[in-house]
Amino acid sequence: MGRYQARGHDALGAEAFLAKHKFRPGRYMLVRGRKRYPSKAVFGVAMGRAAASFSGGAAHVQKAAKRLGLRVEAQSK
């Protein structure tokens, strides 16, 4: 996960980050330490892609997340 995305998410808060980048809350979260980030939004912003152009689910981001030292977990409700 890029430092920009983590800092942007942390500075704005989850709702504002999602709104700014036109993403909705997703089913999967990236976990880094004690922090949780919406997988599709973070990867979408990092890749410069729109929400509808890819899937951010566990199967699609698991490998990239693992390389970055992140876990992918289902969003708890």
Protein backbone atom coordinates (compact mmCIF):
# COMPACT_ATOMS: atom_id res chain seq x y z
CA MET A 1 0.00 0.00 0.00
CA GLY A 2 1.41 3.33 -0.97
CA ARG A 3 2.30 5.80 1.74
CA TYR A 4 0.07 8.37 0.04
CA GLN A 5 -2.98 6.13 0.32
CA ALA A 6 -2.33 5.28 3.97
CA ARG A 7 -1.65 8.89 4.94
CA GLY A 8 -4.60 10.13 2.90
CA HIS A 9 -6.93 7.61 4.48
CA ASP A 10 -5.65 8.33 7.98
CA ALA A 11 -5.76 12.11 7.53
CA LEU A 12 -9.23 12.25 5.99
CA GLY A 13 -10.86 9.36 7.79
CA ALA A 14 -12.48 6.41 6.06
CA GLU A 15 -15.73 8.07 4.94
CA ALA A 16 -14.06 11.16 3.51
CA PHE A 17 -11.36 9.10 1.76
CA LEU A 18 -14.01 6.92 0.11
CA ALA A 19 -16.10 9.94 -0.92
CA LYS A 20 -13.12 11.87 -2.29
CA HIS A 21 -12.10 8.97 -4.52
CA LYS A 22 -15.68 7.89 -5.36
CA PHE A 23 -15.55 4.45 -3.77
CA ARG A 24 -18.11 2.77 -1.54
CA PRO A 25 -17.32 0.75 1.59
CA GLY A 26 -16.36 -2.74 0.50
CA ARG A 27 -16.51 -6.23 1.92
CA TYR A 28 -12.76 -6.63 2.38
CA MET A 29 -10.24 -4.69 4.42
CA LEU A 30 -6.47 -4.48 4.30
CA VAL A 31 -5.00 -4.89 7.77
CA ARG A 32 -1.71 -3.25 8.65
CA GLY A 33 -0.90 -3.51 12.34
CA ARG A 34 -3.98 -2.23 14.15
CA LYS A 35 -5.24 -0.18 11.22
CA ARG A 36 -7.80 -1.31 8.65
CA TYR A 37 -8.17 0.11 5.14
CA PRO A 38 -10.80 -0.57 2.44
CA SER A 39 -9.00 -2.86 -0.02
CA LYS A 40 -10.71 -1.79 -3.23
CA ALA A 41 -10.39 1.92 -2.53
CA VAL A 42 -6.74 1.76 -1.50
CA PHE A 43 -5.65 -0.38 -4.45
CA GLY A 44 -7.86 1.64 -6.81
CA VAL A 45 -6.32 4.93 -5.74
CA ALA A 46 -2.82 3.45 -5.89
CA MET A 47 -3.41 2.18 -9.44
CA GLY A 48 -5.38 5.21 -10.60
CA ARG A 49 -8.42 3.08 -11.45
CA ALA A 50 -12.13 3.69 -11.08
CA ALA A 51 -14.21 1.59 -8.71
CA ALA A 52 -16.11 -0.20 -11.47
CA SER A 53 -12.99 -1.22 -13.39
CA PHE A 54 -11.78 -4.03 -11.08
CA SER A 55 -12.56 -6.19 -8.07
CA GLY A 56 -10.96 -5.42 -4.73
CA GLY A 57 -11.92 -8.69 -3.07
CA ALA A 58 -9.67 -11.09 -1.27
CA ALA A 59 -8.91 -13.22 -4.34
CA HIS A 60 -7.83 -10.21 -6.39
CA VAL A 61 -5.69 -8.33 -3.89
CA GLN A 62 -4.41 -11.17 -1.68
CA LYS A 63 -1.11 -11.67 -3.51
CA ALA A 64 -0.29 -7.98 -3.75
CA ALA A 65 -1.29 -7.42 -0.14
CA LYS A 66 0.90 -10.28 1.05
CA ARG A 67 3.90 -8.86 -0.83
CA LEU A 68 3.30 -5.57 0.99
CA GLY A 69 3.04 -7.23 4.40
CA LEU A 70 -0.74 -6.76 4.66
CA ARG A 71 -3.56 -9.15 5.45
CA VAL A 72 -6.95 -9.14 3.72
CA GLU A 73 -9.94 -9.76 5.95
CA ALA A 74 -13.68 -9.68 5.48
CA GLN A 75 -15.29 -6.51 6.81
CA SER A 76 -16.90 -7.14 10.18
CA LYS A 77 -20.43 -5.82 10.42
